[in-house]
Amino acid sequence: MIFESEVLPPSVHTDAERLRVIVREFNIAPESVALAAELLFKNRLGTAEIGRQEAEALFRTRGHQLADRLLREAGMLLSSEEMAEKLSISRQAVHERKGRRTLWAVAVPGRRGYLFPLWQLEGKLVRPWVPKLLIHFATGLDALAYILAPRVSQGGKRYLDLALTGDERTIAKMLALASRSGESA
């Protein structure tokens, strides 16, 4: 991680240019940029050019690693059948709600179907802030990354933990920040 107080190596401009080219050319997801920056900064890529396939493999691997970490941190995840049972609705109704983005669903890389975080429920109802948050993200995994990230402004706590307390001010702040993030789907 680069801090302002550190002296940057002279090659940083070259590395930054490489990173910009890779991000632009391969339409890379934001979470993958951090890995590329780390690799470039540590000079692991050196001056060697990398090809499209190598870059795609690198970012795909990093994406799977991030997805695995997020899913581990997400807590209990239910299948569509289990979610249907919890809500006392059909599996088809679960998928309709997923499609309308009123139910949080996460596609898992390498797995068929979706998983549904249990904490989005309060009894047999979806917490009111869940659909309001989901509209700002392209995927359930993107929304997980947002809600599971420790927040400096919240003393290192995650929005998920704070939202589950029901504190309306924190929920409003979380939703406002999500709406300004530029990730509206």
N, C-alpha and C. Protein backbone atom coordinates (compact mmCIF):
# COMPACT_ATOMS: atom_id res chain seq x y z
N MET A 1 0.85 -1.17 0.00
CA MET A 1 0.00 0.00 0.00
C MET A 1 0.89 1.23 0.00
N ILE A 2 0.56 2.21 -0.81
CA ILE A 2 1.36 3.42 -0.92
C ILE A 2 0.77 4.49 -0.02
N PHE A 3 1.62 5.11 0.79
CA PHE A 3 1.19 6.20 1.65
C PHE A 3 1.83 7.48 1.15
N GLU A 4 1.17 8.60 1.44
CA GLU A 4 1.66 9.89 0.96
C GLU A 4 3.08 10.17 1.42
N SER A 5 3.43 9.68 2.61
CA SER A 5 4.75 9.97 3.16
C SER A 5 5.86 9.17 2.50
N GLU A 6 5.51 8.14 1.75
CA GLU A 6 6.54 7.34 1.11
C GLU A 6 7.04 8.03 -0.15
N VAL A 7 8.29 7.77 -0.46
CA VAL A 7 8.86 8.30 -1.70
C VAL A 7 8.56 7.29 -2.80
N LEU A 8 7.92 7.75 -3.85
CA LEU A 8 7.56 6.85 -4.93
C LEU A 8 8.75 6.65 -5.85
N PRO A 9 8.93 5.45 -6.37
CA PRO A 9 10.03 5.20 -7.29
C PRO A 9 9.82 5.97 -8.60
N PRO A 10 10.90 6.28 -9.31
CA PRO A 10 10.77 7.05 -10.54
C PRO A 10 9.90 6.36 -11.59
N SER A 11 9.78 5.04 -11.54
CA SER A 11 9.01 4.32 -12.56
C SER A 11 7.51 4.42 -12.34
N VAL A 12 7.06 5.10 -11.28
CA VAL A 12 5.63 5.13 -10.98
C VAL A 12 4.81 5.70 -12.13
N HIS A 13 5.34 6.66 -12.84
CA HIS A 13 4.59 7.23 -13.96
C HIS A 13 4.41 6.20 -15.06
N THR A 14 5.43 5.45 -15.34
CA THR A 14 5.34 4.39 -16.33
C THR A 14 4.34 3.34 -15.88
N ASP A 15 4.42 2.93 -14.61
CA ASP A 15 3.51 1.94 -14.07
C ASP A 15 2.07 2.46 -14.10
N ALA A 16 1.89 3.73 -13.75
CA ALA A 16 0.55 4.31 -13.77
C ALA A 16 -0.01 4.30 -15.18
N GLU A 17 0.83 4.61 -16.14
CA GLU A 17 0.38 4.58 -17.53
C GLU A 17 0.00 3.17 -17.94
N ARG A 18 0.80 2.19 -17.55
CA ARG A 18 0.47 0.80 -17.86
C ARG A 18 -0.87 0.41 -17.26
N LEU A 19 -1.08 0.80 -16.02
CA LEU A 19 -2.32 0.48 -15.34
C LEU A 19 -3.51 1.12 -16.06
N ARG A 20 -3.38 2.38 -16.44
CA ARG A 20 -4.48 3.05 -17.17
C ARG A 20 -4.80 2.32 -18.47
N VAL A 21 -3.78 1.89 -19.19
CA VAL A 21 -3.98 1.20 -20.46
C VAL A 21 -4.70 -0.14 -20.22
N ILE A 22 -4.23 -0.89 -19.24
CA ILE A 22 -4.84 -2.19 -18.94
C ILE A 22 -6.30 -2.01 -18.54
N VAL A 23 -6.57 -1.08 -17.65
CA VAL A 23 -7.94 -0.85 -17.18
C VAL A 23 -8.84 -0.46 -18.34
N ARG A 24 -8.38 0.45 -19.18
CA ARG A 24 -9.18 0.91 -20.32
C ARG A 24 -9.38 -0.20 -21.34
N GLU A 25 -8.32 -0.87 -21.72
CA GLU A 25 -8.39 -1.86 -22.79
C GLU A 25 -9.21 -3.10 -22.41
N PHE A 26 -9.15 -3.50 -21.15
CA PHE A 26 -9.81 -4.73 -20.76
C PHE A 26 -11.09 -4.49 -19.96
N ASN A 27 -11.51 -3.23 -19.83
CA ASN A 27 -12.74 -2.90 -19.11
C ASN A 27 -12.78 -3.62 -17.75
N ILE A 28 -11.78 -3.34 -16.93
CA ILE A 28 -11.56 -4.07 -15.68
C ILE A 28 -12.43 -3.51 -14.56
N ALA A 29 -12.94 -4.42 -13.74
CA ALA A 29 -13.74 -4.05 -12.58
C ALA A 29 -12.87 -3.31 -11.56
N PRO A 30 -13.45 -2.37 -10.82
CA PRO A 30 -12.68 -1.56 -9.86
C PRO A 30 -11.88 -2.37 -8.84
N GLU A 31 -12.45 -3.47 -8.34
CA GLU A 31 -11.72 -4.24 -7.32
C GLU A 31 -10.48 -4.90 -7.87
N SER A 32 -10.43 -5.07 -9.17
CA SER A 32 -9.25 -5.69 -9.78
C SER A 32 -8.11 -4.69 -9.96
N VAL A 33 -8.44 -3.42 -9.98
CA VAL A 33 -7.43 -2.39 -10.18
C VAL A 33 -6.41 -2.41 -9.04
N ALA A 34 -6.88 -2.69 -7.84
CA ALA A 34 -5.97 -2.71 -6.68
C ALA A 34 -4.88 -3.77 -6.86
N LEU A 35 -5.26 -4.93 -7.35
CA LEU A 35 -4.27 -5.98 -7.58
C LEU A 35 -3.27 -5.56 -8.64
N ALA A 36 -3.75 -4.99 -9.73
CA ALA A 36 -2.85 -4.56 -10.80
C ALA A 36 -1.88 -3.51 -10.28
N ALA A 37 -2.39 -2.57 -9.49
CA ALA A 37 -1.52 -1.53 -8.94
C ALA A 37 -0.47 -2.15 -8.02
N GLU A 38 -0.89 -3.10 -7.21
CA GLU A 38 0.06 -3.77 -6.31
C GLU A 38 1.14 -4.49 -7.11
N LEU A 39 0.73 -5.21 -8.14
CA LEU A 39 1.70 -5.94 -8.95
C LEU A 39 2.66 -4.99 -9.67
N LEU A 40 2.10 -3.92 -10.20
CA LEU A 40 2.96 -2.97 -10.90
C LEU A 40 3.91 -2.28 -9.92
N PHE A 41 3.40 -1.89 -8.76
CA PHE A 41 4.23 -1.21 -7.78
C PHE A 41 5.37 -2.09 -7.30
N LYS A 42 5.09 -3.35 -7.09
CA LYS A 42 6.13 -4.27 -6.63
C LYS A 42 7.02 -4.72 -7.78
N ASN A 43 6.72 -4.21 -8.96
CA ASN A 43 7.50 -4.49 -10.16
C ASN A 43 7.49 -5.98 -10.51
N ARG A 44 6.44 -6.69 -10.12
CA ARG A 44 6.34 -8.10 -10.46
C ARG A 44 6.17 -8.27 -11.97
N LEU A 45 5.49 -7.33 -12.57
CA LEU A 45 5.30 -7.42 -14.01
C LEU A 45 6.54 -6.93 -14.75
N GLY A 46 7.36 -6.18 -14.03
CA GLY A 46 8.60 -5.67 -14.63
C GLY A 46 8.32 -4.89 -15.90
N THR A 47 9.22 -4.97 -16.80
CA THR A 47 9.04 -4.26 -18.06
C THR A 47 8.44 -5.16 -19.13
N ALA A 48 8.22 -6.42 -18.77
CA ALA A 48 7.67 -7.36 -19.75
C ALA A 48 6.22 -6.99 -20.06
N GLU A 49 5.88 -7.10 -21.31
CA GLU A 49 4.50 -6.86 -21.71
C GLU A 49 3.69 -8.10 -21.37
N ILE A 50 2.45 -7.89 -20.95
CA ILE A 50 1.59 -9.04 -20.72
C ILE A 50 0.51 -9.03 -21.79
N GLY A 51 0.11 -10.20 -22.19
CA GLY A 51 -0.90 -10.32 -23.22
C GLY A 51 -2.30 -10.28 -22.65
N ARG A 52 -3.26 -10.16 -23.51
CA ARG A 52 -4.66 -10.08 -23.11
C ARG A 52 -5.08 -11.30 -22.28
N GLN A 53 -4.71 -12.51 -22.73
CA GLN A 53 -5.10 -13.72 -22.00
C GLN A 53 -4.52 -13.75 -20.61
N GLU A 54 -3.24 -13.34 -20.49
CA GLU A 54 -2.61 -13.33 -19.17
C GLU A 54 -3.28 -12.30 -18.26
N ALA A 55 -3.58 -11.14 -18.79
CA ALA A 55 -4.23 -10.10 -17.99
C ALA A 55 -5.63 -10.56 -17.56
N GLU A 56 -6.37 -11.15 -18.49
CA GLU A 56 -7.71 -11.62 -18.15
C GLU A 56 -7.65 -12.72 -17.09
N ALA A 57 -6.70 -13.63 -17.21
CA ALA A 57 -6.54 -14.70 -16.22
C ALA A 57 -6.20 -14.11 -14.85
N LEU A 58 -5.32 -13.12 -14.85
CA LEU A 58 -4.93 -12.47 -13.61
C LEU A 58 -6.14 -11.85 -12.92
N PHE A 59 -6.93 -11.11 -13.66
CA PHE A 59 -8.08 -10.44 -13.06
C PHE A 59 -9.21 -11.41 -12.73
N ARG A 60 -9.38 -12.44 -13.50
CA ARG A 60 -10.40 -13.46 -13.21
C ARG A 60 -10.04 -14.16 -11.90
N THR A 61 -8.76 -14.52 -11.75
CA THR A 61 -8.31 -15.18 -10.52
C THR A 61 -8.52 -14.26 -9.32
N ARG A 62 -8.14 -13.02 -9.47
CA ARG A 62 -8.32 -12.06 -8.38
C ARG A 62 -9.80 -11.87 -8.06
N GLY A 63 -10.63 -11.84 -9.09
CA GLY A 63 -12.07 -11.71 -8.89
C GLY A 63 -12.64 -12.88 -8.11
N HIS A 64 -12.19 -14.10 -8.43
CA HIS A 64 -12.65 -15.28 -7.70
C HIS A 64 -12.18 -15.24 -6.25
N GLN A 65 -10.95 -14.77 -6.03
CA GLN A 65 -10.44 -14.66 -4.67
C GLN A 65 -11.27 -13.67 -3.86
N LEU A 66 -11.58 -12.54 -4.46
CA LEU A 66 -12.40 -11.54 -3.77
C LEU A 66 -13.80 -12.06 -3.51
N ALA A 67 -14.38 -12.74 -4.48
CA ALA A 67 -15.72 -13.30 -4.31
C ALA A 67 -15.72 -14.32 -3.17
N ASP A 68 -14.73 -15.18 -3.12
CA ASP A 68 -14.64 -16.17 -2.05
C ASP A 68 -14.55 -15.49 -0.69
N ARG A 69 -13.72 -14.46 -0.60
CA ARG A 69 -13.58 -13.74 0.68
C ARG A 69 -14.89 -13.10 1.09
N LEU A 70 -15.56 -12.44 0.14
CA LEU A 70 -16.84 -11.79 0.45
C LEU A 70 -17.89 -12.80 0.90
N LEU A 71 -17.93 -13.93 0.23
CA LEU A 71 -18.91 -14.95 0.60
C LEU A 71 -18.64 -15.52 1.99
N ARG A 72 -17.37 -15.65 2.34
CA ARG A 72 -17.03 -16.12 3.69
C ARG A 72 -17.46 -15.08 4.73
N GLU A 73 -17.25 -13.80 4.41
CA GLU A 73 -17.58 -12.73 5.35
C GLU A 73 -19.07 -12.45 5.42
N ALA A 74 -19.83 -12.91 4.44
CA ALA A 74 -21.25 -12.58 4.35
C ALA A 74 -22.11 -13.30 5.38
N GLY A 75 -21.57 -14.31 6.02
CA GLY A 75 -22.37 -15.05 6.99
C GLY A 75 -23.19 -16.12 6.32
N MET A 76 -24.30 -16.49 6.95
CA MET A 76 -25.11 -17.59 6.44
C MET A 76 -25.79 -17.22 5.13
N LEU A 77 -25.58 -18.07 4.13
CA LEU A 77 -26.18 -17.89 2.81
C LEU A 77 -27.13 -19.05 2.55
N LEU A 78 -28.30 -18.74 2.03
CA LEU A 78 -29.33 -19.74 1.80
C LEU A 78 -29.50 -20.02 0.31
N SER A 79 -29.90 -21.24 -0.02
CA SER A 79 -30.27 -21.56 -1.40
C SER A 79 -31.65 -20.94 -1.67
N SER A 80 -32.06 -20.96 -2.93
CA SER A 80 -33.38 -20.40 -3.25
C SER A 80 -34.48 -21.21 -2.56
N GLU A 81 -34.30 -22.51 -2.44
CA GLU A 81 -35.29 -23.34 -1.74
C GLU A 81 -35.40 -22.96 -0.27
N GLU A 82 -34.24 -22.75 0.37
CA GLU A 82 -34.23 -22.37 1.78
C GLU A 82 -34.84 -20.98 1.98
N MET A 83 -34.53 -20.07 1.05
CA MET A 83 -35.10 -18.72 1.16
C MET A 83 -36.61 -18.77 0.96
N ALA A 84 -37.07 -19.58 0.02
CA ALA A 84 -38.51 -19.73 -0.21
C ALA A 84 -39.20 -20.21 1.06
N GLU A 85 -38.58 -21.16 1.72
CA GLU A 85 -39.15 -21.69 2.97
C GLU A 85 -39.21 -20.61 4.05
N LYS A 86 -38.13 -19.85 4.18
CA LYS A 86 -38.09 -18.77 5.20
C LYS A 86 -39.18 -17.73 4.97
N LEU A 87 -39.42 -17.41 3.69
CA LEU A 87 -40.39 -16.37 3.35
C LEU A 87 -41.81 -16.93 3.15
N SER A 88 -41.94 -18.25 3.20
CA SER A 88 -43.22 -18.92 2.95
C SER A 88 -43.78 -18.56 1.57
N ILE A 89 -42.89 -18.61 0.58
CA ILE A 89 -43.28 -18.35 -0.81
C ILE A 89 -42.66 -19.45 -1.68
N SER A 90 -43.03 -19.46 -2.95
CA SER A 90 -42.47 -20.47 -3.85
C SER A 90 -41.05 -20.09 -4.27
N ARG A 91 -40.33 -21.07 -4.79
CA ARG A 91 -38.99 -20.81 -5.31
C ARG A 91 -39.06 -19.85 -6.49
N GLN A 92 -40.10 -19.97 -7.28
CA GLN A 92 -40.31 -19.06 -8.41
C GLN A 92 -40.49 -17.62 -7.91
N ALA A 93 -41.22 -17.45 -6.83
CA ALA A 93 -41.42 -16.11 -6.26
C ALA A 93 -40.10 -15.53 -5.75
N VAL A 94 -39.25 -16.40 -5.21
CA VAL A 94 -37.91 -15.95 -4.77
C VAL A 94 -37.16 -15.39 -5.97
N HIS A 95 -37.17 -16.12 -7.08
CA HIS A 95 -36.45 -15.67 -8.27
C HIS A 95 -37.07 -14.43 -8.89
N GLU A 96 -38.38 -14.28 -8.78
CA GLU A 96 -39.03 -13.05 -9.26
C GLU A 96 -38.58 -11.86 -8.43
N ARG A 97 -38.52 -12.04 -7.11
CA ARG A 97 -38.05 -10.96 -6.23
C ARG A 97 -36.58 -10.63 -6.51
N LYS A 98 -35.80 -11.67 -6.76
CA LYS A 98 -34.40 -11.45 -7.13
C LYS A 98 -34.33 -10.60 -8.39
N GLY A 99 -35.14 -10.93 -9.38
CA GLY A 99 -35.16 -10.19 -10.63
C GLY A 99 -35.62 -8.75 -10.47
N ARG A 100 -36.52 -8.52 -9.54
CA ARG A 100 -36.99 -7.14 -9.26
C ARG A 100 -36.05 -6.41 -8.32
N ARG A 101 -35.05 -7.10 -7.83
CA ARG A 101 -34.05 -6.55 -6.91
C ARG A 101 -34.65 -6.14 -5.58
N THR A 102 -35.63 -6.91 -5.15
CA THR A 102 -36.21 -6.70 -3.83
C THR A 102 -35.74 -7.77 -2.85
N LEU A 103 -34.89 -8.66 -3.34
CA LEU A 103 -34.30 -9.72 -2.54
C LEU A 103 -32.83 -9.83 -2.96
N TRP A 104 -31.95 -9.82 -1.96
CA TRP A 104 -30.52 -9.83 -2.21
C TRP A 104 -30.08 -11.22 -2.64
N ALA A 105 -29.54 -11.33 -3.82
CA ALA A 105 -29.06 -12.61 -4.36
C ALA A 105 -27.63 -12.43 -4.85
N VAL A 106 -26.83 -13.46 -4.63
CA VAL A 106 -25.43 -13.42 -5.03
C VAL A 106 -25.13 -14.61 -5.94
N ALA A 107 -24.66 -14.30 -7.14
CA ALA A 107 -24.19 -15.35 -8.05
C ALA A 107 -22.80 -15.76 -7.59
N VAL A 108 -22.59 -17.03 -7.45
CA VAL A 108 -21.31 -17.54 -6.97
C VAL A 108 -20.52 -18.07 -8.16
N PRO A 109 -19.30 -17.54 -8.38
CA PRO A 109 -18.49 -18.04 -9.49
C PRO A 109 -18.28 -19.56 -9.39
N GLY A 110 -18.51 -20.25 -10.50
CA GLY A 110 -18.29 -21.69 -10.53
C GLY A 110 -19.42 -22.50 -9.92
N ARG A 111 -20.52 -21.87 -9.56
CA ARG A 111 -21.65 -22.57 -8.95
C ARG A 111 -22.92 -22.17 -9.68
N ARG A 112 -23.80 -23.11 -9.85
CA ARG A 112 -25.07 -22.82 -10.48
C ARG A 112 -26.05 -22.26 -9.46
N GLY A 113 -26.85 -21.32 -9.86
CA GLY A 113 -27.85 -20.76 -8.96
C GLY A 113 -27.31 -19.60 -8.15
N TYR A 114 -28.13 -19.12 -7.26
CA TYR A 114 -27.80 -17.96 -6.43
C TYR A 114 -27.87 -18.36 -4.97
N LEU A 115 -27.18 -17.57 -4.16
CA LEU A 115 -27.26 -17.70 -2.72
C LEU A 115 -27.83 -16.39 -2.17
N PHE A 116 -28.52 -16.49 -1.04
CA PHE A 116 -29.25 -15.36 -0.47
C PHE A 116 -28.81 -15.16 0.98
N PRO A 117 -28.25 -13.99 1.29
CA PRO A 117 -27.84 -13.74 2.68
C PRO A 117 -29.04 -13.79 3.64
N LEU A 118 -28.89 -14.54 4.71
CA LEU A 118 -29.96 -14.67 5.69
C LEU A 118 -30.23 -13.34 6.41
N TRP A 119 -29.18 -12.56 6.65
CA TRP A 119 -29.34 -11.33 7.43
C TRP A 119 -30.22 -10.28 6.74
N GLN A 120 -30.56 -10.47 5.47
CA GLN A 120 -31.45 -9.50 4.82
C GLN A 120 -32.88 -9.64 5.32
N LEU A 121 -33.15 -10.72 6.05
CA LEU A 121 -34.50 -10.95 6.57
C LEU A 121 -34.62 -10.49 8.01
N GLU A 122 -35.80 -9.99 8.30
CA GLU A 122 -36.19 -9.68 9.67
C GLU A 122 -37.51 -10.43 9.85
N GLY A 123 -37.40 -11.59 10.45
CA GLY A 123 -38.56 -12.47 10.51
C GLY A 123 -38.83 -13.03 9.12
N LYS A 124 -40.04 -12.82 8.62
CA LYS A 124 -40.39 -13.29 7.28
C LYS A 124 -40.41 -12.15 6.26
N LEU A 125 -39.83 -11.03 6.62
CA LEU A 125 -39.81 -9.87 5.73
C LEU A 125 -38.38 -9.46 5.40
N VAL A 126 -38.20 -8.91 4.20
CA VAL A 126 -36.91 -8.36 3.81
C VAL A 126 -36.78 -7.00 4.49
N ARG A 127 -35.63 -6.74 5.05
CA ARG A 127 -35.41 -5.45 5.72
C ARG A 127 -35.64 -4.32 4.71
N PRO A 128 -36.29 -3.25 5.11
CA PRO A 128 -36.68 -2.19 4.17
C PRO A 128 -35.52 -1.54 3.42
N TRP A 129 -34.35 -1.51 4.00
CA TRP A 129 -33.21 -0.85 3.35
C TRP A 129 -32.57 -1.71 2.27
N VAL A 130 -32.84 -3.01 2.24
CA VAL A 130 -32.19 -3.91 1.28
C VAL A 130 -32.50 -3.51 -0.18
N PRO A 131 -33.77 -3.42 -0.60
CA PRO A 131 -34.03 -3.03 -1.99
C PRO A 131 -33.51 -1.62 -2.32
N LYS A 132 -33.53 -0.73 -1.33
CA LYS A 132 -33.04 0.64 -1.54
C LYS A 132 -31.54 0.65 -1.80
N LEU A 133 -30.83 -0.30 -1.22
CA LEU A 133 -29.39 -0.41 -1.45
C LEU A 133 -29.09 -1.11 -2.77
N LEU A 134 -29.81 -2.17 -3.05
CA LEU A 134 -29.53 -2.99 -4.24
C LEU A 134 -29.65 -2.21 -5.55
N ILE A 135 -30.51 -1.20 -5.60
CA ILE A 135 -30.68 -0.46 -6.86
C ILE A 135 -29.42 0.26 -7.30
N HIS A 136 -28.47 0.43 -6.40
CA HIS A 136 -27.25 1.17 -6.71
C HIS A 136 -26.10 0.29 -7.18
N PHE A 137 -26.32 -1.01 -7.27
CA PHE A 137 -25.24 -1.92 -7.63
C PHE A 137 -25.65 -2.86 -8.74
N ALA A 138 -24.71 -3.18 -9.60
CA ALA A 138 -24.98 -4.04 -10.75
C ALA A 138 -25.25 -5.48 -10.33
N THR A 139 -24.56 -5.94 -9.28
CA THR A 139 -24.74 -7.33 -8.84
C THR A 139 -24.81 -7.39 -7.32
N GLY A 140 -25.32 -8.51 -6.83
CA GLY A 140 -25.35 -8.73 -5.39
C GLY A 140 -23.95 -8.79 -4.79
N LEU A 141 -22.99 -9.28 -5.58
CA LEU A 141 -21.61 -9.35 -5.11
C LEU A 141 -21.02 -7.95 -4.96
N ASP A 142 -21.33 -7.06 -5.90
CA ASP A 142 -20.87 -5.66 -5.78
C ASP A 142 -21.44 -5.03 -4.51
N ALA A 143 -22.72 -5.29 -4.26
CA ALA A 143 -23.36 -4.73 -3.06
C ALA A 143 -22.73 -5.32 -1.80
N LEU A 144 -22.36 -6.60 -1.83
CA LEU A 144 -21.69 -7.22 -0.69
C LEU A 144 -20.36 -6.53 -0.42
N ALA A 145 -19.60 -6.27 -1.48
CA ALA A 145 -18.31 -5.59 -1.31
C ALA A 145 -18.51 -4.25 -0.62
N TYR A 146 -19.55 -3.54 -0.99
CA TYR A 146 -19.85 -2.23 -0.40
C TYR A 146 -20.22 -2.35 1.08
N ILE A 147 -21.12 -3.26 1.38
CA ILE A 147 -21.66 -3.33 2.74
C ILE A 147 -20.72 -4.03 3.73
N LEU A 148 -19.78 -4.81 3.20
CA LEU A 148 -18.85 -5.54 4.07
C LEU A 148 -17.53 -4.82 4.29
N ALA A 149 -17.30 -3.73 3.58
CA ALA A 149 -16.04 -2.99 3.71
C ALA A 149 -16.01 -2.23 5.03
N PRO A 150 -14.92 -2.36 5.80
CA PRO A 150 -14.79 -1.55 7.02
C PRO A 150 -14.75 -0.07 6.64
N ARG A 151 -15.45 0.76 7.39
CA ARG A 151 -15.56 2.18 7.10
C ARG A 151 -14.80 3.01 8.13
N VAL A 152 -13.84 3.77 7.66
CA VAL A 152 -13.08 4.65 8.54
C VAL A 152 -14.02 5.62 9.25
N SER A 153 -14.99 6.15 8.49
CA SER A 153 -15.94 7.11 9.06
C SER A 153 -16.82 6.50 10.14
N GLN A 154 -16.84 5.18 10.22
CA GLN A 154 -17.66 4.48 11.22
C GLN A 154 -16.79 3.73 12.22
N GLY A 155 -15.58 4.21 12.40
CA GLY A 155 -14.67 3.60 13.38
C GLY A 155 -14.24 2.20 12.99
N GLY A 156 -14.16 1.93 11.69
CA GLY A 156 -13.73 0.62 11.22
C GLY A 156 -14.84 -0.41 11.14
N LYS A 157 -16.04 -0.01 11.49
CA LYS A 157 -17.17 -0.94 11.43
C LYS A 157 -17.70 -1.03 10.01
N ARG A 158 -18.36 -2.14 9.72
CA ARG A 158 -18.97 -2.36 8.41
C ARG A 158 -20.40 -1.82 8.41
N TYR A 159 -20.85 -1.35 7.25
CA TYR A 159 -22.22 -0.90 7.15
C TYR A 159 -23.20 -2.01 7.48
N LEU A 160 -22.87 -3.25 7.13
CA LEU A 160 -23.78 -4.35 7.45
C LEU A 160 -24.05 -4.42 8.94
N ASP A 161 -23.00 -4.43 9.74
CA ASP A 161 -23.17 -4.54 11.18
C ASP A 161 -23.97 -3.37 11.74
N LEU A 162 -23.70 -2.18 11.21
CA LEU A 162 -24.41 -0.99 11.68
C LEU A 162 -25.86 -1.00 11.23
N ALA A 163 -26.12 -1.42 10.00
CA ALA A 163 -27.49 -1.45 9.49
C ALA A 163 -28.34 -2.47 10.24
N LEU A 164 -27.73 -3.57 10.63
CA LEU A 164 -28.48 -4.60 11.34
C LEU A 164 -28.93 -4.15 12.72
N THR A 165 -28.31 -3.09 13.25
CA THR A 165 -28.77 -2.56 14.54
C THR A 165 -30.06 -1.77 14.37
N GLY A 166 -30.38 -1.39 13.12
CA GLY A 166 -31.61 -0.65 12.86
C GLY A 166 -31.46 0.86 13.01
N ASP A 167 -30.24 1.34 13.22
CA ASP A 167 -30.03 2.78 13.39
C ASP A 167 -30.35 3.51 12.09
N GLU A 168 -31.44 4.27 12.10
CA GLU A 168 -31.93 4.94 10.89
C GLU A 168 -30.93 5.94 10.31
N ARG A 169 -30.20 6.65 11.16
CA ARG A 169 -29.22 7.63 10.66
C ARG A 169 -28.11 6.94 9.88
N THR A 170 -27.61 5.84 10.42
CA THR A 170 -26.55 5.10 9.74
C THR A 170 -27.05 4.50 8.43
N ILE A 171 -28.26 3.97 8.45
CA ILE A 171 -28.84 3.39 7.23
C ILE A 171 -29.01 4.48 6.17
N ALA A 172 -29.49 5.65 6.58
CA ALA A 172 -29.65 6.76 5.63
C ALA A 172 -28.30 7.17 5.05
N LYS A 173 -27.27 7.23 5.89
CA LYS A 173 -25.92 7.58 5.43
C LYS A 173 -25.40 6.52 4.46
N MET A 174 -25.61 5.25 4.78
CA MET A 174 -25.18 4.15 3.92
C MET A 174 -25.85 4.25 2.55
N LEU A 175 -27.15 4.51 2.53
CA LEU A 175 -27.89 4.61 1.28
C LEU A 175 -27.47 5.84 0.48
N ALA A 176 -27.25 6.96 1.17
CA ALA A 176 -26.83 8.18 0.48
C ALA A 176 -25.46 8.00 -0.17
N LEU A 177 -24.55 7.38 0.54
CA LEU A 177 -23.22 7.13 -0.02
C LEU A 177 -23.30 6.19 -1.21
N ALA A 178 -24.12 5.17 -1.11
CA ALA A 178 -24.29 4.23 -2.23
C ALA A 178 -24.86 4.95 -3.45
N SER A 179 -25.78 5.87 -3.23
CA SER A 179 -26.40 6.58 -4.36
C SER A 179 -25.41 7.52 -5.04
N ARG A 180 -24.42 7.97 -4.30
CA ARG A 180 -23.40 8.87 -4.88
C ARG A 180 -22.21 8.12 -5.44
N SER A 181 -22.19 6.81 -5.26
CA SER A 181 -21.00 6.04 -5.66
C SER A 181 -20.87 5.92 -7.16
N GLY A 182 -21.91 6.27 -7.91
CA GLY A 182 -21.83 6.19 -9.36
C GLY A 182 -21.99 4.78 -9.88
N GLU A 183 -22.46 3.89 -9.03
CA GLU A 183 -22.62 2.51 -9.45
C GLU A 183 -24.09 2.14 -9.63
N SER A 184 -24.94 3.14 -9.83
CA SER A 184 -26.35 2.83 -10.03
C SER A 184 -26.52 1.93 -11.23
N ALA A 185 -27.30 0.90 -11.04
CA ALA A 185 -27.48 -0.09 -12.12
C ALA A 185 -28.55 0.37 -13.09
